[in-house]
Structure formats: C-alpha cells, structure tokens
Amino acid sequence: MNKILIETNILVYGFDEESTFFEKARKILEQEKYQLVTTSKNLIEFLAVTTKSSGYNLENNIALEIIEEIIQGIEIVYPTQESMAIFLDLMNRYQPKGLKVHDFEIISIGLAQGIHEVATFNSKDFKSAKEITLAAI
C-alpha cells in the first residue's frame, strides 16, 4: 500500500465541522487507498494552531484528546539524520524563507521515509518541491 503524507491543515480541518474543508478532510482521513502518515512536526503544528487564542482556542486537554484520536489511524514519522541531510540539501537548492522552511522540513522527513506524495489544502506551500507530488484532493 502506498503511503501519503498528511499535512497539518488536513488534520485541523478534519476535526473542524464548521470548516468548508471539513468533508474533504474527513474523506482523506477515512480513505483506505493509502497508508496515512504524518510527522511529529505536523502534530506539534496542529497543537499550536488549535490552542492559540486567535485560532481555535481549544483547551490543551481537548487538543491532546484529538491528537490521541488522530494517532490511532495514522503512522507518525520523526526527523532522523537522513531527513536532516535531505532538509539541508532542499534548503540549499530551493532557498525557502520564513515559514516555508517548516514545509521543507516536513517534506524532508517524508522523503527520508520514502514518501513522495503529500495531501494538503495549501498546495502553493509545496508545489515548488520537485521531489514530491501533491495528492489530488
């Protein structure tokens, strides 16, 4: 079964029933065609987005309960020495700035695991990286 890297926005919209992306996000998270994978960084970003006062403003315990639910059906991958080497190579080649650096770190963690497809609603954040393809969502 092919693996697909699930980006933070899929996780966020997958719990936000009021989001216009909720249905699409749930469809991705509940599909059985791919083995779903996310990075530890995506889970941390999820917590940052959902607990900030200008965002969803969830209590930490509620956000952590959602994380527990998420990790039941998704494989979590972590940075490694190999992913760091890939990250540094991507940084040299693409020269991302600011918040885009985080996107390239996520890509590098996936690539180190042999994952070349990313599911995201922010395709502009990832489309410059030739090493991956964006899932048709």
Protein backbone atom coordinates (compact mmCIF):
# COMPACT_ATOMS: atom_id res chain seq x y z
CA MET A 1 0.00 0.00 0.00
CA ASN A 2 1.36 3.42 -0.96
CA LYS A 3 1.97 5.95 1.76
CA ILE A 4 0.76 9.53 1.68
CA LEU A 5 1.98 12.32 3.93
CA ILE A 6 -0.87 14.17 5.63
CA GLU A 7 -0.15 17.88 6.18
CA THR A 8 -1.30 19.85 9.23
CA ASN A 9 -4.23 21.58 7.54
CA ILE A 10 -5.84 18.21 6.74
CA LEU A 11 -5.65 17.34 10.43
CA VAL A 12 -7.04 20.71 11.54
CA TYR A 13 -9.93 20.76 9.08
CA GLY A 14 -10.65 17.11 9.79
CA PHE A 15 -11.93 17.98 13.25
CA ASP A 16 -13.47 21.40 12.46
CA GLU A 17 -17.03 20.59 11.42
CA GLU A 18 -17.66 24.25 10.55
CA SER A 19 -14.81 24.41 8.03
CA THR A 20 -15.65 24.42 4.35
CA PHE A 21 -12.86 21.82 4.04
CA PHE A 22 -14.24 19.50 6.73
CA GLU A 23 -15.90 17.00 4.37
CA LYS A 24 -12.86 16.77 2.08
CA ALA A 25 -10.50 16.42 5.04
CA ARG A 26 -12.61 13.64 6.59
CA LYS A 27 -12.76 11.87 3.24
CA ILE A 28 -8.95 11.89 3.08
CA LEU A 29 -8.55 10.78 6.69
CA GLU A 30 -11.07 7.96 6.30
CA GLN A 31 -9.96 6.64 2.91
CA GLU A 32 -8.36 3.20 2.67
CA LYS A 33 -6.41 3.54 -0.58
CA TYR A 34 -3.26 4.87 1.12
CA GLN A 35 -1.39 4.28 4.34
CA LEU A 36 -1.71 7.68 6.07
CA VAL A 37 1.46 9.14 7.55
CA THR A 38 2.17 12.43 9.31
CA THR A 39 5.21 13.84 11.01
CA SER A 40 5.73 14.69 14.65
CA LYS A 41 6.16 18.27 13.43
CA ASN A 42 2.63 18.23 11.95
CA LEU A 43 1.21 17.15 15.30
CA ILE A 44 3.04 19.97 17.05
CA GLU A 45 1.77 22.45 14.45
CA PHE A 46 -1.74 21.07 15.00
CA LEU A 47 -1.43 21.84 18.71
CA ALA A 48 -0.06 25.32 18.02
CA VAL A 49 -2.91 26.17 15.62
CA THR A 50 -5.74 24.72 17.66
CA THR A 51 -4.68 26.12 21.04
CA LYS A 52 -3.72 29.70 20.11
CA SER A 53 -6.11 32.40 21.25
CA SER A 54 -6.51 33.86 17.76
CA GLY A 55 -7.25 30.43 16.29
CA TYR A 56 -9.49 27.66 17.57
CA ASN A 57 -8.56 28.42 21.19
CA LEU A 58 -9.03 24.83 22.38
CA GLU A 59 -8.04 23.86 25.87
CA ASN A 60 -4.84 21.80 25.85
CA ASN A 61 -6.59 18.69 27.17
CA ILE A 62 -9.15 18.79 24.34
CA ALA A 63 -6.46 19.34 21.70
CA LEU A 64 -4.47 16.44 23.16
CA GLU A 65 -7.55 14.19 23.05
CA ILE A 66 -7.88 15.00 19.35
CA ILE A 67 -4.19 14.16 18.87
CA GLU A 68 -4.79 10.81 20.59
CA GLU A 69 -7.63 10.13 18.15
CA ILE A 70 -5.51 11.15 15.17
CA ILE A 71 -2.61 8.88 16.03
CA GLN A 72 -4.88 5.85 16.23
CA GLY A 73 -5.14 5.70 12.44
CA ILE A 74 -2.03 7.48 11.19
CA GLU A 75 1.60 6.42 11.27
CA ILE A 76 3.84 9.05 12.86
CA VAL A 77 7.34 9.60 11.45
CA TYR A 78 10.14 11.55 13.09
CA PRO A 79 13.19 13.54 11.99
CA THR A 80 16.34 11.50 11.53
CA GLN A 81 19.92 12.18 10.48
CA GLU A 82 18.89 11.20 6.96
CA SER A 83 15.96 13.62 6.95
CA MET A 84 18.26 16.39 8.20
CA ALA A 85 20.67 15.74 5.33
CA ILE A 86 17.74 15.86 2.88
CA PHE A 87 16.45 19.03 4.57
CA LEU A 88 19.82 20.79 4.23
CA ASP A 89 20.01 19.76 0.56
CA LEU A 90 16.49 21.08 -0.08
CA MET A 91 17.33 24.33 1.75
CA ASN A 92 20.38 24.82 -0.47
CA ARG A 93 18.51 24.07 -3.68
CA TYR A 94 15.20 25.88 -3.06
CA GLN A 95 16.25 28.64 -0.63
CA PRO A 96 12.90 28.80 1.21
CA LYS A 97 12.38 31.71 3.59
CA GLY A 98 10.36 32.23 6.77
CA LEU A 99 7.51 29.80 7.37
CA LYS A 100 8.28 27.91 4.15
CA VAL A 101 11.29 26.43 5.96
CA HIS A 102 8.85 24.37 8.05
CA ASP A 103 7.24 22.96 4.90
CA PHE A 104 10.61 21.82 3.61
CA GLU A 105 11.38 20.15 6.92
CA ILE A 106 8.10 18.22 6.65
CA ILE A 107 8.95 17.24 3.06
CA SER A 108 12.41 16.06 4.12
CA ILE A 109 11.03 13.87 6.91
CA GLY A 110 8.63 12.25 4.43
CA LEU A 111 11.29 11.78 1.78
CA ALA A 112 13.58 10.07 4.28
CA GLN A 113 10.74 7.56 4.80
CA GLY A 114 10.31 7.05 1.04
CA ILE A 115 7.09 9.09 0.92
CA HIS A 116 6.75 11.25 -2.20
CA GLU A 117 3.06 12.22 -2.11
CA VAL A 118 1.62 14.94 0.13
CA ALA A 119 -2.02 15.68 0.92
CA THR A 120 -2.59 19.36 1.69
CA PHE A 121 -5.06 22.15 1.05
CA ASN A 122 -2.14 24.61 0.75
CA SER A 123 -0.63 23.33 -2.46
CA LYS A 124 1.25 26.61 -3.00
CA ASP A 125 3.36 25.80 0.07
CA PHE A 126 4.65 22.59 -1.52
CA LYS A 127 4.43 22.90 -5.29
CA SER A 128 7.98 24.21 -5.77
CA ALA A 129 9.49 20.97 -4.44
CA LYS A 130 10.08 18.70 -7.44
CA GLU A 131 10.78 15.68 -5.18
CA ILE A 132 7.12 15.29 -4.22
CA THR A 133 3.73 15.18 -5.86
CA LEU A 134 0.59 16.68 -4.43
CA ALA A 135 -2.32 14.34 -3.89
CA ALA A 136 -5.37 15.06 -6.00
CA ILE A 137 -7.87 16.09 -3.34
